[in-house]
Amino acid sequence: MDRIYEIVRKIPKGRVSTYGAIADCIGMRTTSRMVGWAMNASHRITPKIPAHRVVNRNGVLTGKLHFETPTLMQELLESEGITIIDDQIQHFDQLFWHPKSLHSI
């Protein structure tokens, strides 16, 4: 899980990545659920993990129910300038950040 947290901490503010892209980056393409489980457990980790920046492959806030309140994930993303309508990130293709763009991981 440390490798997953390392990648998620590198997602730039105002950008998002997906469970699958992160799993793919660590060589576990078929285990995007493991990334989801790591995000669910991340709220207890220090330093903080920006789990709100990890969404499903369509830009939908599928993990929102694992936050303190059902609206917190959206609020955090909106505070970074991301527009969300009906739990869907608008302009997802422009905001998507792929961890493979990192050379140091």
PDB file of N, CA and C in Angstrom:
ATOM      1  N   MET A   1       0.819  -1.201   0.000  1.00  0.00           N
ATOM      2  CA  MET A   1       0.000   0.000   0.000  1.00  0.00           C
ATOM      3  C   MET A   1       0.856   1.255   0.000  1.00  0.00           C
ATOM      4  N   ASP A   2       2.067   1.152   0.527  1.00  0.00           N
ATOM      5  CA  ASP A   2       2.930   2.332   0.555  1.00  0.00           C
ATOM      6  C   ASP A   2       3.182   2.878  -0.844  1.00  0.00           C
ATOM      7  N   ARG A   3       3.365   1.987  -1.795  1.00  0.00           N
ATOM      8  CA  ARG A   3       3.604   2.413  -3.193  1.00  0.00           C
ATOM      9  C   ARG A   3       2.379   3.159  -3.741  1.00  0.00           C
ATOM     10  N   ILE A   4       1.196   2.672  -3.418  1.00  0.00           N
ATOM     11  CA  ILE A   4      -0.036   3.334  -3.850  1.00  0.00           C
ATOM     12  C   ILE A   4      -0.106   4.726  -3.235  1.00  0.00           C
ATOM     13  N   TYR A   5       0.162   4.823  -1.948  1.00  0.00           N
ATOM     14  CA  TYR A   5       0.106   6.126  -1.274  1.00  0.00           C
ATOM     15  C   TYR A   5       1.148   7.091  -1.837  1.00  0.00           C
ATOM     16  N   GLU A   6       2.315   6.576  -2.176  1.00  0.00           N
ATOM     17  CA  GLU A   6       3.370   7.402  -2.770  1.00  0.00           C
ATOM     18  C   GLU A   6       2.887   8.029  -4.080  1.00  0.00           C
ATOM     19  N   ILE A   7       2.230   7.237  -4.896  1.00  0.00           N
ATOM     20  CA  ILE A   7       1.718   7.744  -6.177  1.00  0.00           C
ATOM     21  C   ILE A   7       0.608   8.756  -5.954  1.00  0.00           C
ATOM     22  N   VAL A   8      -0.342   8.440  -5.094  1.00  0.00           N
ATOM     23  CA  VAL A   8      -1.484   9.329  -4.870  1.00  0.00           C
ATOM     24  C   VAL A   8      -1.025  10.674  -4.327  1.00  0.00           C
ATOM     25  N   ARG A   9      -0.007  10.677  -3.484  1.00  0.00           N
ATOM     26  CA  ARG A   9       0.511  11.947  -2.958  1.00  0.00           C
ATOM     27  C   ARG A   9       1.092  12.830  -4.064  1.00  0.00           C
ATOM     28  N   LYS A  10       1.437  12.244  -5.197  1.00  0.00           N
ATOM     29  CA  LYS A  10       2.037  13.006  -6.298  1.00  0.00           C
ATOM     30  C   LYS A  10       1.013  13.544  -7.295  1.00  0.00           C
ATOM     31  N   ILE A  11      -0.248  13.188  -7.132  1.00  0.00           N
ATOM     32  CA  ILE A  11      -1.275  13.723  -8.035  1.00  0.00           C
ATOM     33  C   ILE A  11      -1.348  15.231  -7.790  1.00  0.00           C
ATOM     34  N   PRO A  12      -1.136  16.024  -8.833  1.00  0.00           N
ATOM     35  CA  PRO A  12      -1.138  17.479  -8.641  1.00  0.00           C
ATOM     36  C   PRO A  12      -2.505  18.011  -8.212  1.00  0.00           C
ATOM     37  N   LYS A  13      -2.481  19.063  -7.440  1.00  0.00           N
ATOM     38  CA  LYS A  13      -3.708  19.755  -7.036  1.00  0.00           C
ATOM     39  C   LYS A  13      -4.462  20.167  -8.298  1.00  0.00           C
ATOM     40  N   GLY A  14      -5.773  19.964  -8.284  1.00  0.00           N
ATOM     41  CA  GLY A  14      -6.589  20.321  -9.437  1.00  0.00           C
ATOM     42  C   GLY A  14      -6.606  19.286 -10.542  1.00  0.00           C
ATOM     43  N   ARG A  15      -6.003  18.116 -10.292  1.00  0.00           N
ATOM     44  CA  ARG A  15      -5.985  17.015 -11.258  1.00  0.00           C
ATOM     45  C   ARG A  15      -6.507  15.766 -10.554  1.00  0.00           C
ATOM     46  N   VAL A  16      -6.857  14.760 -11.315  1.00  0.00           N
ATOM     47  CA  VAL A  16      -7.350  13.497 -10.769  1.00  0.00           C
ATOM     48  C   VAL A  16      -6.725  12.328 -11.505  1.00  0.00           C
ATOM     49  N   SER A  17      -6.713  11.190 -10.843  1.00  0.00           N
ATOM     50  CA  SER A  17      -6.277   9.953 -11.473  1.00  0.00           C
ATOM     51  C   SER A  17      -7.327   8.896 -11.183  1.00  0.00           C
ATOM     52  N   THR A  18      -7.086   7.700 -11.675  1.00  0.00           N
ATOM     53  CA  THR A  18      -8.065   6.632 -11.501  1.00  0.00           C
ATOM     54  C   THR A  18      -7.447   5.439 -10.767  1.00  0.00           C
ATOM     55  N   TYR A  19      -8.328   4.631 -10.199  1.00  0.00           N
ATOM     56  CA  TYR A  19      -7.887   3.419  -9.522  1.00  0.00           C
ATOM     57  C   TYR A  19      -7.079   2.548 -10.493  1.00  0.00           C
ATOM     58  N   GLY A  20      -7.584   2.401 -11.702  1.00  0.00           N
ATOM     59  CA  GLY A  20      -6.929   1.559 -12.702  1.00  0.00           C
ATOM     60  C   GLY A  20      -5.584   2.082 -13.147  1.00  0.00           C
ATOM     61  N   ALA A  21      -5.461   3.393 -13.343  1.00  0.00           N
ATOM     62  CA  ALA A  21      -4.189   3.981 -13.772  1.00  0.00           C
ATOM     63  C   ALA A  21      -3.121   3.784 -12.700  1.00  0.00           C
ATOM     64  N   ILE A  22      -3.515   3.911 -11.447  1.00  0.00           N
ATOM     65  CA  ILE A  22      -2.566   3.725 -10.352  1.00  0.00           C
ATOM     66  C   ILE A  22      -2.154   2.257 -10.264  1.00  0.00           C
ATOM     67  N   ALA A  23      -3.129   1.357 -10.379  1.00  0.00           N
ATOM     68  CA  ALA A  23      -2.827  -0.079 -10.363  1.00  0.00           C
ATOM     69  C   ALA A  23      -1.903  -0.444 -11.529  1.00  0.00           C
ATOM     70  N   ASP A  24      -2.169   0.118 -12.692  1.00  0.00           N
ATOM     71  CA  ASP A  24      -1.351  -0.131 -13.873  1.00  0.00           C
ATOM     72  C   ASP A  24       0.082   0.342 -13.644  1.00  0.00           C
ATOM     73  N   CYS A  25       0.239   1.468 -13.021  1.00  0.00           N
ATOM     74  CA  CYS A  25       1.554   2.051 -12.782  1.00  0.00           C
ATOM     75  C   CYS A  25       2.416   1.176 -11.875  1.00  0.00           C
ATOM     76  N   ILE A  26       1.784   0.501 -10.928  1.00  0.00           N
ATOM     77  CA  ILE A  26       2.564  -0.359 -10.033  1.00  0.00           C
ATOM     78  C   ILE A  26       2.587  -1.812 -10.514  1.00  0.00           C
ATOM     79  N   GLY A  27       2.112  -2.026 -11.749  1.00  0.00           N
ATOM     80  CA  GLY A  27       2.178  -3.354 -12.343  1.00  0.00           C
ATOM     81  C   GLY A  27       1.098  -4.301 -11.881  1.00  0.00           C
ATOM     82  N   MET A  28      -0.023  -3.742 -11.433  1.00  0.00           N
ATOM     83  CA  MET A  28      -1.113  -4.577 -10.936  1.00  0.00           C
ATOM     84  C   MET A  28      -2.420  -4.180 -11.611  1.00  0.00           C
ATOM     85  N   ARG A  29      -2.424  -4.127 -12.902  1.00  0.00           N
ATOM     86  CA  ARG A  29      -3.568  -3.628 -13.673  1.00  0.00           C
ATOM     87  C   ARG A  29      -4.886  -4.282 -13.284  1.00  0.00           C
ATOM     88  N   THR A  30      -4.861  -5.536 -12.943  1.00  0.00           N
ATOM     89  CA  THR A  30      -6.121  -6.223 -12.644  1.00  0.00           C
ATOM     90  C   THR A  30      -6.578  -6.015 -11.209  1.00  0.00           C
ATOM     91  N   THR A  31      -5.843  -5.262 -10.429  1.00  0.00           N
ATOM     92  CA  THR A  31      -6.212  -5.098  -9.020  1.00  0.00           C
ATOM     93  C   THR A  31      -6.519  -3.645  -8.664  1.00  0.00           C
ATOM     94  N   SER A  32      -7.284  -2.979  -9.503  1.00  0.00           N
ATOM     95  CA  SER A  32      -7.663  -1.601  -9.185  1.00  0.00           C
ATOM     96  C   SER A  32      -8.499  -1.559  -7.905  1.00  0.00           C
ATOM     97  N   ARG A  33      -9.145  -2.666  -7.571  1.00  0.00           N
ATOM     98  CA  ARG A  33      -9.898  -2.715  -6.308  1.00  0.00           C
ATOM     99  C   ARG A  33      -8.977  -2.560  -5.112  1.00  0.00           C
ATOM    100  N   MET A  34      -7.761  -3.078  -5.241  1.00  0.00           N
ATOM    101  CA  MET A  34      -6.794  -2.925  -4.165  1.00  0.00           C
ATOM    102  C   MET A  34      -6.483  -1.439  -3.935  1.00  0.00           C
ATOM    103  N   VAL A  35      -6.420  -0.674  -5.014  1.00  0.00           N
ATOM    104  CA  VAL A  35      -6.209   0.772  -4.895  1.00  0.00           C
ATOM    105  C   VAL A  35      -7.397   1.387  -4.166  1.00  0.00           C
ATOM    106  N   GLY A  36      -8.598   0.948  -4.484  1.00  0.00           N
ATOM    107  CA  GLY A  36      -9.792   1.421  -3.795  1.00  0.00           C
ATOM    108  C   GLY A  36      -9.755   1.121  -2.313  1.00  0.00           C
ATOM    109  N   TRP A  37      -9.339  -0.089  -1.970  1.00  0.00           N
ATOM    110  CA  TRP A  37      -9.232  -0.457  -0.553  1.00  0.00           C
ATOM    111  C   TRP A  37      -8.196   0.419   0.148  1.00  0.00           C
ATOM    112  N   ALA A  38      -7.090   0.684  -0.546  1.00  0.00           N
ATOM    113  CA  ALA A  38      -6.050   1.543   0.040  1.00  0.00           C
ATOM    114  C   ALA A  38      -6.592   2.955   0.270  1.00  0.00           C
ATOM    115  N   MET A  39      -7.411   3.451  -0.659  1.00  0.00           N
ATOM    116  CA  MET A  39      -7.988   4.784  -0.490  1.00  0.00           C
ATOM    117  C   MET A  39      -8.959   4.793   0.687  1.00  0.00           C
ATOM    118  N   ASN A  40      -9.714   3.723   0.857  1.00  0.00           N
ATOM    119  CA  ASN A  40     -10.646   3.628   1.987  1.00  0.00           C
ATOM    120  C   ASN A  40      -9.906   3.660   3.322  1.00  0.00           C
ATOM    121  N   ALA A  41      -8.728   3.066   3.360  1.00  0.00           N
ATOM    122  CA  ALA A  41      -7.946   3.024   4.590  1.00  0.00           C
ATOM    123  C   ALA A  41      -7.062   4.256   4.775  1.00  0.00           C
ATOM    124  N   SER A  42      -6.946   5.072   3.766  1.00  0.00           N
ATOM    125  CA  SER A  42      -5.982   6.183   3.766  1.00  0.00           C
ATOM    126  C   SER A  42      -6.320   7.305   4.735  1.00  0.00           C
ATOM    127  N   HIS A  43      -7.533   7.374   5.196  1.00  0.00           N
ATOM    128  CA  HIS A  43      -7.944   8.477   6.066  1.00  0.00           C
ATOM    129  C   HIS A  43      -7.241   8.440   7.428  1.00  0.00           C
ATOM    130  N   ARG A  44      -6.611   7.320   7.730  1.00  0.00           N
ATOM    131  CA  ARG A  44      -5.902   7.180   9.004  1.00  0.00           C
ATOM    132  C   ARG A  44      -4.389   7.350   8.845  1.00  0.00           C
ATOM    133  N   ILE A  45      -3.926   7.630   7.647  1.00  0.00           N
ATOM    134  CA  ILE A  45      -2.498   7.687   7.349  1.00  0.00           C
ATOM    135  C   ILE A  45      -1.966   9.119   7.483  1.00  0.00           C
ATOM    136  N   THR A  46      -0.744   9.233   8.021  1.00  0.00           N
ATOM    137  CA  THR A  46      -0.055  10.512   8.097  1.00  0.00           C
ATOM    138  C   THR A  46       1.312  10.339   7.445  1.00  0.00           C
ATOM    139  N   PRO A  47       1.755  11.298   6.628  1.00  0.00           N
ATOM    140  CA  PRO A  47       1.019  12.485   6.193  1.00  0.00           C
ATOM    141  C   PRO A  47      -0.179  12.112   5.332  1.00  0.00           C
ATOM    142  N   LYS A  48      -1.087  13.062   5.241  1.00  0.00           N
ATOM    143  CA  LYS A  48      -2.372  12.832   4.575  1.00  0.00           C
ATOM    144  C   LYS A  48      -2.213  12.350   3.132  1.00  0.00           C
ATOM    145  N   ILE A  49      -3.180  11.560   2.726  1.00  0.00           N
ATOM    146  CA  ILE A  49      -3.261  11.049   1.365  1.00  0.00           C
ATOM    147  C   ILE A  49      -4.412  11.791   0.686  1.00  0.00           C
ATOM    148  N   PRO A  50      -4.205  12.422  -0.468  1.00  0.00           N
ATOM    149  CA  PRO A  50      -5.297  13.117  -1.144  1.00  0.00           C
ATOM    150  C   PRO A  50      -6.202  12.135  -1.901  1.00  0.00           C
ATOM    151  N   ALA A  51      -6.864  11.265  -1.157  1.00  0.00           N
ATOM    152  CA  ALA A  51      -7.709  10.216  -1.744  1.00  0.00           C
ATOM    153  C   ALA A  51      -8.841  10.797  -2.581  1.00  0.00           C
ATOM    154  N   HIS A  52      -9.211  12.038  -2.320  1.00  0.00           N
ATOM    155  CA  HIS A  52     -10.293  12.654  -3.094  1.00  0.00           C
ATOM    156  C   HIS A  52      -9.918  12.835  -4.560  1.00  0.00           C
ATOM    157  N   ARG A  53      -8.647  12.746  -4.888  1.00  0.00           N
ATOM    158  CA  ARG A  53      -8.189  12.903  -6.281  1.00  0.00           C
ATOM    159  C   ARG A  53      -8.198  11.597  -7.063  1.00  0.00           C
ATOM    160  N   VAL A  54      -8.699  10.521  -6.459  1.00  0.00           N
ATOM    161  CA  VAL A  54      -8.756   9.223  -7.137  1.00  0.00           C
ATOM    162  C   VAL A  54     -10.222   8.878  -7.392  1.00  0.00           C
ATOM    163  N   VAL A  55     -10.548   8.688  -8.666  1.00  0.00           N
ATOM    164  CA  VAL A  55     -11.929   8.448  -9.092  1.00  0.00           C
ATOM    165  C   VAL A  55     -11.974   7.224 -10.010  1.00  0.00           C
ATOM    166  N   ASN A  56     -13.168   6.864 -10.454  1.00  0.00           N
ATOM    167  CA  ASN A  56     -13.240   5.710 -11.349  1.00  0.00           C
ATOM    168  C   ASN A  56     -12.846   6.115 -12.774  1.00  0.00           C
ATOM    169  N   ARG A  57     -12.786   5.151 -13.668  1.00  0.00           N
ATOM    170  CA  ARG A  57     -12.276   5.383 -15.025  1.00  0.00           C
ATOM    171  C   ARG A  57     -13.116   6.342 -15.857  1.00  0.00           C
ATOM    172  N   ASN A  58     -14.326   6.638 -15.396  1.00  0.00           N
ATOM    173  CA  ASN A  58     -15.195   7.575 -16.102  1.00  0.00           C
ATOM    174  C   ASN A  58     -15.250   8.948 -15.424  1.00  0.00           C
ATOM    175  N   GLY A  59     -14.462   9.123 -14.367  1.00  0.00           N
ATOM    176  CA  GLY A  59     -14.464  10.396 -13.656  1.00  0.00           C
ATOM    177  C   GLY A  59     -15.608  10.545 -12.673  1.00  0.00           C
ATOM    178  N   VAL A  60     -16.173   9.429 -12.239  1.00  0.00           N
ATOM    179  CA  VAL A  60     -17.287   9.452 -11.298  1.00  0.00           C
ATOM    180  C   VAL A  60     -16.734   9.281  -9.874  1.00  0.00           C
ATOM    181  N   LEU A  61     -17.326   9.997  -8.936  1.00  0.00           N
ATOM    182  CA  LEU A  61     -16.885   9.974  -7.542  1.00  0.00           C
ATOM    183  C   LEU A  61     -17.428   8.740  -6.815  1.00  0.00           C
ATOM    184  N   THR A  62     -16.990   7.582  -7.223  1.00  0.00           N
ATOM    185  CA  THR A  62     -17.506   6.338  -6.652  1.00  0.00           C
ATOM    186  C   THR A  62     -17.067   6.122  -5.211  1.00  0.00           C
ATOM    187  N   GLY A  63     -15.991   6.768  -4.775  1.00  0.00           N
ATOM    188  CA  GLY A  63     -15.505   6.583  -3.417  1.00  0.00           C
ATOM    189  C   GLY A  63     -16.059   7.568  -2.411  1.00  0.00           C
ATOM    190  N   LYS A  64     -17.004   8.387  -2.812  1.00  0.00           N
ATOM    191  CA  LYS A  64     -17.476   9.482  -1.951  1.00  0.00           C
ATOM    192  C   LYS A  64     -18.073   9.015  -0.623  1.00  0.00           C
ATOM    193  N   LEU A  65     -18.625   7.836  -0.587  1.00  0.00           N
ATOM    194  CA  LEU A  65     -19.257   7.351   0.645  1.00  0.00           C
ATOM    195  C   LEU A  65     -18.241   6.920   1.701  1.00  0.00           C
ATOM    196  N   HIS A  66     -16.979   6.876   1.332  1.00  0.00           N
ATOM    197  CA  HIS A  66     -15.941   6.480   2.277  1.00  0.00           C
ATOM    198  C   HIS A  66     -15.287   7.686   2.956  1.00  0.00           C
ATOM    199  N   PHE A  67     -15.816   8.875   2.671  1.00  0.00           N
ATOM    200  CA  PHE A  67     -15.325  10.092   3.316  1.00  0.00           C
ATOM    201  C   PHE A  67     -16.196  10.409   4.527  1.00  0.00           C
ATOM    202  N   GLU A  68     -15.723  11.334   5.349  1.00  0.00           N
ATOM    203  CA  GLU A  68     -16.431  11.704   6.575  1.00  0.00           C
ATOM    204  C   GLU A  68     -17.891  12.050   6.335  1.00  0.00           C
ATOM    205  N   THR A  69     -18.156  12.760   5.253  1.00  0.00           N
ATOM    206  CA  THR A  69     -19.530  13.074   4.856  1.00  0.00           C
ATOM    207  C   THR A  69     -19.674  12.719   3.381  1.00  0.00           C
ATOM    208  N   PRO A  70     -20.881  12.473   2.907  1.00  0.00           N
ATOM    209  CA  PRO A  70     -21.077  12.097   1.505  1.00  0.00           C
ATOM    210  C   PRO A  70     -20.713  13.198   0.509  1.00  0.00           C
ATOM    211  N   THR A  71     -20.564  14.433   0.986  1.00  0.00           N
ATOM    212  CA  THR A  71     -20.241  15.534   0.071  1.00  0.00           C
ATOM    213  C   THR A  71     -18.789  15.996   0.177  1.00  0.00           C
ATOM    214  N   LEU A  72     -18.030  15.454   1.120  1.00  0.00           N
ATOM    215  CA  LEU A  72     -16.672  15.941   1.357  1.00  0.00           C
ATOM    216  C   LEU A  72     -15.751  15.748   0.153  1.00  0.00           C
ATOM    217  N   MET A  73     -15.818  14.615  -0.518  1.00  0.00           N
ATOM    218  CA  MET A  73     -14.962  14.366  -1.675  1.00  0.00           C
ATOM    219  C   MET A  73     -15.193  15.447  -2.732  1.00  0.00           C
ATOM    220  N   GLN A  74     -16.456  15.721  -3.030  1.00  0.00           N
ATOM    221  CA  GLN A  74     -16.792  16.742  -4.018  1.00  0.00           C
ATOM    222  C   GLN A  74     -16.313  18.118  -3.553  1.00  0.00           C
ATOM    223  N   GLU A  75     -16.527  18.432  -2.295  1.00  0.00           N
ATOM    224  CA  GLU A  75     -16.110  19.732  -1.764  1.00  0.00           C
ATOM    225  C   GLU A  75     -14.598  19.929  -1.892  1.00  0.00           C
ATOM    226  N   LEU A  76     -13.835  18.886  -1.598  1.00  0.00           N
ATOM    227  CA  LEU A  76     -12.382  18.976  -1.706  1.00  0.00           C
ATOM    228  C   LEU A  76     -11.941  19.189  -3.151  1.00  0.00           C
ATOM    229  N   LEU A  77     -12.559  18.463  -4.071  1.00  0.00           N
ATOM    230  CA  LEU A  77     -12.229  18.637  -5.487  1.00  0.00           C
ATOM    231  C   LEU A  77     -12.624  20.024  -5.978  1.00  0.00           C
ATOM    232  N   GLU A  78     -13.792  20.490  -5.591  1.00  0.00           N
ATOM    233  CA  GLU A  78     -14.232  21.821  -6.003  1.00  0.00           C
ATOM    234  C   GLU A  78     -13.328  22.907  -5.437  1.00  0.00           C
ATOM    235  N   SER A  79     -12.789  22.698  -4.245  1.00  0.00           N
ATOM    236  CA  SER A  79     -11.874  23.688  -3.660  1.00  0.00           C
ATOM    237  C   SER A  79     -10.570  23.775  -4.459  1.00  0.00           C
ATOM    238  N   GLU A  80     -10.309  22.762  -5.296  1.00  0.00           N
ATOM    239  CA  GLU A  80      -9.135  22.759  -6.162  1.00  0.00           C
ATOM    240  C   GLU A  80      -9.485  23.221  -7.580  1.00  0.00           C
ATOM    241  N   GLY A  81     -10.719  23.694  -7.766  1.00  0.00           N
ATOM    242  CA  GLY A  81     -11.125  24.235  -9.064  1.00  0.00           C
ATOM    243  C   GLY A  81     -11.760  23.241 -10.012  1.00  0.00           C
ATOM    244  N   ILE A  82     -12.088  22.064  -9.544  1.00  0.00           N
ATOM    245  CA  ILE A  82     -12.695  21.035 -10.396  1.00  0.00           C
ATOM    246  C   ILE A  82     -14.214  21.149 -10.317  1.00  0.00           C
ATOM    247  N   THR A  83     -14.857  21.136 -11.470  1.00  0.00           N
ATOM    248  CA  THR A  83     -16.310  21.214 -11.549  1.00  0.00           C
ATOM    249  C   THR A  83     -16.891  19.808 -11.583  1.00  0.00           C
ATOM    250  N   ILE A  84     -17.915  19.594 -10.753  1.00  0.00           N
ATOM    251  CA  ILE A  84     -18.563  18.291 -10.666  1.00  0.00           C
ATOM    252  C   ILE A  84     -20.066  18.486 -10.783  1.00  0.00           C
ATOM    253  N   ILE A  85     -20.677  17.715 -11.660  1.00  0.00           N
ATOM    254  CA  ILE A  85     -22.131  17.730 -11.815  1.00  0.00           C
ATOM    255  C   ILE A  85     -22.617  16.289 -11.707  1.00  0.00           C
ATOM    256  N   ASP A  86     -23.566  16.059 -10.807  1.00  0.00           N
ATOM    257  CA  ASP A  86     -24.121  14.719 -10.593  1.00  0.00           C
ATOM    258  C   ASP A  86     -23.031  13.675 -10.369  1.00  0.00           C
ATOM    259  N   ASP A  87     -22.084  13.983  -9.474  1.00  0.00           N
ATOM    260  CA  ASP A  87     -20.980  13.089  -9.111  1.00  0.00           C
ATOM    261  C   ASP A  87     -20.018  12.797 -10.257  1.00  0.00           C
ATOM    262  N   GLN A  88     -20.065  13.558 -11.318  1.00  0.00           N
ATOM    263  CA  GLN A  88     -19.219  13.349 -12.495  1.00  0.00           C
ATOM    264  C   GLN A  88     -18.300  14.552 -12.686  1.00  0.00           C
ATOM    265  N   ILE A  89     -16.999  14.299 -12.785  1.00  0.00           N
ATOM    266  CA  ILE A  89     -16.036  15.370 -13.035  1.00  0.00           C
ATOM    267  C   ILE A  89     -16.215  15.869 -14.457  1.00  0.00           C
ATOM    268  N   GLN A  90     -16.384  17.161 -14.588  1.00  0.00           N
ATOM    269  CA  GLN A  90     -16.522  17.775 -15.904  1.00  0.00           C
ATOM    270  C   GLN A  90     -15.126  17.978 -16.507  1.00  0.00           C
ATOM    271  N   HIS A  91     -15.019  17.747 -17.808  1.00  0.00           N
ATOM    272  CA  HIS A  91     -13.741  17.861 -18.525  1.00  0.00           C
ATOM    273  C   HIS A  91     -12.710  16.879 -17.963  1.00  0.00           C
ATOM    274  N   PHE A  92     -13.197  15.710 -17.624  1.00  0.00           N
ATOM    275  CA  PHE A  92     -12.357  14.683 -17.024  1.00  0.00           C
ATOM    276  C   PHE A  92     -11.109  14.397 -17.864  1.00  0.00           C
ATOM    277  N   ASP A  93     -11.278  14.327 -19.173  1.00  0.00           N
ATOM    278  CA  ASP A  93     -10.141  14.006 -20.044  1.00  0.00           C
ATOM    279  C   ASP A  93      -9.034  15.055 -19.944  1.00  0.00           C
ATOM    280  N   GLN A  94      -9.377  16.279 -19.646  1.00  0.00           N
ATOM    281  CA  GLN A  94      -8.378  17.347 -19.509  1.00  0.00           C
ATOM    282  C   GLN A  94      -7.743  17.360 -18.113  1.00  0.00           C
ATOM    283  N   LEU A  95      -8.448  16.839 -17.117  1.00  0.00           N
ATOM    284  CA  LEU A  95      -7.968  16.858 -15.739  1.00  0.00           C
ATOM    285  C   LEU A  95      -7.277  15.558 -15.327  1.00  0.00           C
ATOM    286  N   PHE A  96      -7.418  14.538 -16.164  1.00  0.00           N
ATOM    287  CA  PHE A  96      -6.842  13.237 -15.846  1.00  0.00           C
ATOM    288  C   PHE A  96      -5.317  13.317 -15.837  1.00  0.00           C
ATOM    289  N   TRP A  97      -4.738  12.770 -14.772  1.00  0.00           N
ATOM    290  CA  TRP A  97      -3.279  12.698 -14.626  1.00  0.00           C
ATOM    291  C   TRP A  97      -2.889  11.237 -14.529  1.00  0.00           C
ATOM    292  N   HIS A  98      -2.009  10.806 -15.425  1.00  0.00           N
ATOM    293  CA  HIS A  98      -1.576   9.405 -15.403  1.00  0.00           C
ATOM    294  C   HIS A  98      -0.255   9.316 -14.659  1.00  0.00           C
ATOM    295  N   PRO A  99      -0.178   8.441 -13.668  1.00  0.00           N
ATOM    296  CA  PRO A  99       1.053   8.319 -12.887  1.00  0.00           C
ATOM    297  C   PRO A  99       2.257   7.879 -13.703  1.00  0.00           C
ATOM    298  N   LYS A 100       2.056   7.320 -14.867  1.00  0.00           N
ATOM    299  CA  LYS A 100       3.200   6.915 -15.688  1.00  0.00           C
ATOM    300  C   LYS A 100       3.984   8.123 -16.198  1.00  0.00           C
ATOM    301  N   SER A 101       3.404   9.317 -16.009  1.00  0.00           N
ATOM    302  CA  SER A 101       4.124  10.531 -16.409  1.00  0.00           C
ATOM    303  C   SER A 101       5.277  10.827 -15.446  1.00  0.00           C
ATOM    304  N   LEU A 102       5.321  10.107 -14.333  1.00  0.00           N
ATOM    305  CA  LEU A 102       6.409  10.264 -13.371  1.00  0.00           C
ATOM    306  C   LEU A 102       7.563   9.359 -13.779  1.00  0.00           C
ATOM    307  N   HIS A 103       8.716   9.874 -13.747  1.00  0.00           N
ATOM    308  CA  HIS A 103       9.878   9.051 -14.093  1.00  0.00           C
ATOM    309  C   HIS A 103      10.557   8.498 -12.860  1.00  0.00           C
ATOM    310  N   SER A 104      10.224   9.065 -11.695  1.00  0.00           N
ATOM    311  CA  SER A 104      10.933   8.673 -10.482  1.00  0.00           C
ATOM    312  C   SER A 104      10.238   7.554  -9.707  1.00  0.00           C
ATOM    313  N   ILE A 105       9.094   7.095 -10.191  1.00  0.00           N
ATOM    314  CA  ILE A 105       8.379   6.049  -9.440  1.00  0.00           C
ATOM    315  C   ILE A 105       8.835   4.675  -9.874  1.00  0.00           C
TER     316      ILE A 105
END
